[in-house]
Protein backbone atom coordinates (compact mmCIF):
# COMPACT_ATOMS: atom_id res chain seq x y z
CA MET A 1 98.51 78.96 226.52
CA ALA A 2 98.11 75.38 225.41
CA ARG A 3 99.14 72.27 227.27
CA ILE A 4 101.58 70.33 225.10
CA ASN A 5 101.85 66.57 225.71
CA PHE A 6 104.99 64.90 224.40
CA ALA A 7 104.76 61.10 224.25
CA PHE A 8 108.30 59.72 223.92
CA GLY A 9 109.47 56.25 222.97
CA ALA A 10 107.14 55.28 220.13
CA THR A 11 108.37 52.30 218.15
CA GLU A 12 106.99 53.94 215.00
CA ARG A 13 105.57 57.48 215.08
CA ILE A 14 102.72 57.11 212.58
CA ALA A 15 101.51 53.77 213.96
CA GLN A 16 101.53 55.21 217.50
CA ALA A 17 99.71 58.33 216.28
CA CYS A 18 96.99 56.07 214.86
CA GLN A 19 96.68 54.17 218.15
CA THR A 20 96.50 57.44 220.06
CA THR A 21 93.87 58.78 217.67
CA LEU A 22 91.77 55.64 218.13
CA LYS A 23 92.02 55.93 221.91
CA GLN A 24 91.03 59.60 221.87
CA TYR A 25 88.19 59.02 219.39
CA LEU A 26 86.77 56.22 221.57
CA ALA A 27 86.92 58.65 224.51
CA GLY A 28 84.83 61.15 222.52
CA GLN A 29 87.68 63.55 221.81
CA LYS A 30 87.73 65.63 218.60
CA MET A 31 91.11 66.08 216.93
CA VAL A 32 92.82 68.05 214.21
CA VAL A 33 95.84 66.20 212.81
CA TYR A 34 98.43 68.51 211.27
CA CYS A 35 101.46 67.84 209.09
CA SER A 36 102.82 70.06 206.32
CA ASP A 37 104.32 66.94 204.72
CA VAL A 38 101.37 65.69 202.66
CA ALA A 39 103.04 62.30 202.04
CA ARG A 40 103.37 61.70 205.80
CA LEU A 41 99.77 62.78 206.37
CA ARG A 42 98.62 60.40 203.61
CA GLN A 43 100.58 57.60 205.28
CA TYR A 44 98.80 58.39 208.55
CA ASP A 45 95.46 58.48 206.71
CA GLN A 46 96.06 55.02 205.20
CA LYS A 47 97.19 53.49 208.50
CA LEU A 48 94.23 55.00 210.33
CA TRP A 49 91.85 53.00 208.11
CA ALA A 50 93.47 49.79 209.41
CA VAL A 51 94.37 50.76 212.98
CA ASP A 52 92.01 48.16 214.45
CA GLU A 53 89.98 45.47 212.70
CA ALA A 54 86.97 46.05 214.94
CA ALA A 55 87.06 49.87 215.01
CA PHE A 56 86.24 52.61 212.57
CA VAL A 57 87.80 56.02 213.15
CA PRO A 58 85.85 58.59 211.14
CA HIS A 59 88.27 61.07 209.60
CA VAL A 60 88.38 63.38 206.60
CA TRP A 61 90.70 65.93 205.04
CA ALA A 62 90.05 69.55 206.00
CA ASP A 63 88.69 70.46 202.56
CA ASP A 64 86.05 67.70 202.67
CA PRO A 65 82.43 68.97 202.91
CA LEU A 66 81.98 66.76 206.00
CA ALA A 67 84.94 68.24 207.90
CA ASN A 68 82.74 70.32 210.21
CA CYS A 69 80.88 67.24 211.44
CA THR A 70 83.69 64.66 211.49
CA PRO A 71 85.62 64.11 214.75
CA ILE A 72 89.07 63.69 213.16
CA VAL A 73 90.20 66.26 210.57
CA LEU A 74 93.49 66.03 208.66
CA VAL A 75 95.17 69.23 207.51
CA ALA A 76 98.41 69.98 205.66
CA LYS A 77 97.92 73.71 205.02
CA ASP A 78 95.68 76.52 206.20
CA LEU A 79 95.76 75.19 209.77
CA ALA A 80 94.56 78.53 211.18
CA GLN A 81 91.34 78.32 209.14
CA VAL A 82 90.67 74.79 210.37
CA LEU A 83 91.31 75.77 213.99
CA GLU A 84 88.94 78.74 213.67
CA ARG A 85 86.14 76.24 213.02
CA SER A 86 87.21 74.01 215.94
CA THR A 87 86.06 74.28 219.51
CA PRO A 88 88.72 74.97 222.18
CA ASP A 89 88.35 71.42 223.55
CA THR A 90 89.53 69.96 220.20
CA TRP A 91 93.03 68.48 220.42
CA LEU A 92 95.76 69.10 217.87
CA LEU A 93 97.96 66.14 216.99
CA ASN A 94 101.15 67.46 215.40
CA LEU A 95 102.88 65.03 213.04
CA ASP A 96 105.12 67.69 211.54
CA ASN A 97 108.84 67.96 212.29
CA ALA A 98 108.31 71.60 213.32
CA CYS A 99 105.81 73.21 215.66
CA PRO A 100 102.47 73.92 214.04
CA PRO A 101 102.20 77.47 212.69
CA THR A 102 99.45 78.15 215.23
CA CYS A 103 97.69 76.45 218.11
CA GLY A 104 94.74 78.81 217.81
CA ALA A 105 92.58 78.78 220.91
CA LEU A 106 93.12 75.05 221.44
CA GLN A 107 93.91 73.90 224.94
CA ARG A 108 95.84 70.72 224.06
CA VAL A 109 98.52 69.72 221.56
CA MET A 110 99.88 66.18 221.29
CA GLU A 111 103.34 65.26 220.02
CA ILE A 112 104.36 61.65 219.32
CA VAL A 113 108.12 61.01 219.29
CA SER A 114 109.85 57.82 218.17
CA ASP A 115 113.30 56.67 219.25
CA GLU A 116 114.76 57.59 215.84
CA PRO A 117 117.62 60.07 216.46
CA GLU A 118 116.41 62.62 213.90
CA GLU A 119 112.88 62.55 215.33
CA LYS A 120 114.19 62.97 218.86
CA GLU A 121 116.27 65.97 217.81
CA ALA A 122 113.31 67.57 216.01
CA ALA A 123 111.19 66.97 219.13
CA ARG A 124 113.80 68.65 221.31
CA GLN A 125 113.63 71.71 219.06
CA ARG A 126 109.83 71.74 219.20
CA TRP A 127 110.00 71.45 223.00
CA ARG A 128 112.30 74.51 223.18
CA THR A 129 110.03 76.48 220.83
CA TYR A 130 106.89 75.66 222.82
CA GLN A 131 108.71 76.41 226.08
CA ALA A 132 109.88 79.82 224.81
CA ALA A 133 106.26 80.61 223.86
CA GLY A 134 105.15 79.90 227.44
CA HIS A 135 103.13 76.73 226.86
CA ASP A 136 102.60 74.14 229.62
CA LEU A 137 104.77 71.14 228.68
CA LYS A 138 104.28 67.56 229.87
CA SER A 139 106.23 64.48 228.84
CA TYR A 140 105.22 60.84 228.97
CA SER A 141 107.00 57.62 228.25
CA LEU A 142 105.16 55.24 225.95
CA GLN A 143 107.14 52.38 227.49
CA ASN A 144 105.19 52.93 230.69
CA THR A 145 101.77 51.68 229.62
CA THR A 146 100.20 52.69 232.94
CA GLN A 147 100.96 56.38 232.29
CA SER A 148 97.93 58.38 231.20
CA GLN A 149 98.01 61.25 228.73
CA ASP A 150 95.09 63.07 230.38
């Protein structure tokens, strides 16, 4: 079973997801970023290019020829195929409103939740779904900047 980290209290979900991705990339962590909503994933892609003026976060879409050697891979469909090519220590960042269709053999899934009522409600449903599947759930407040997501 995967460990699912829920980070609650983001001012803006996509911006926080970009900050989290930068932090994990700088720590040497590989990530698959999933969202079935292609428009939302494109928004994340655009914001990731500008997440920090002094940093570059290498990322590509899953169908890019460089996907197997790029640390951050974006995927909107065929998640199972992407996860088959990933090592178990790769993290999955879920930007979808629903749980990802699979976690594969991954050990860690990250969920970013803003204070928007509809996002909070969708996160509650994801929490219940993960819980029913037997995953290890952890929650963190983004307002507490000393809290680690490790």
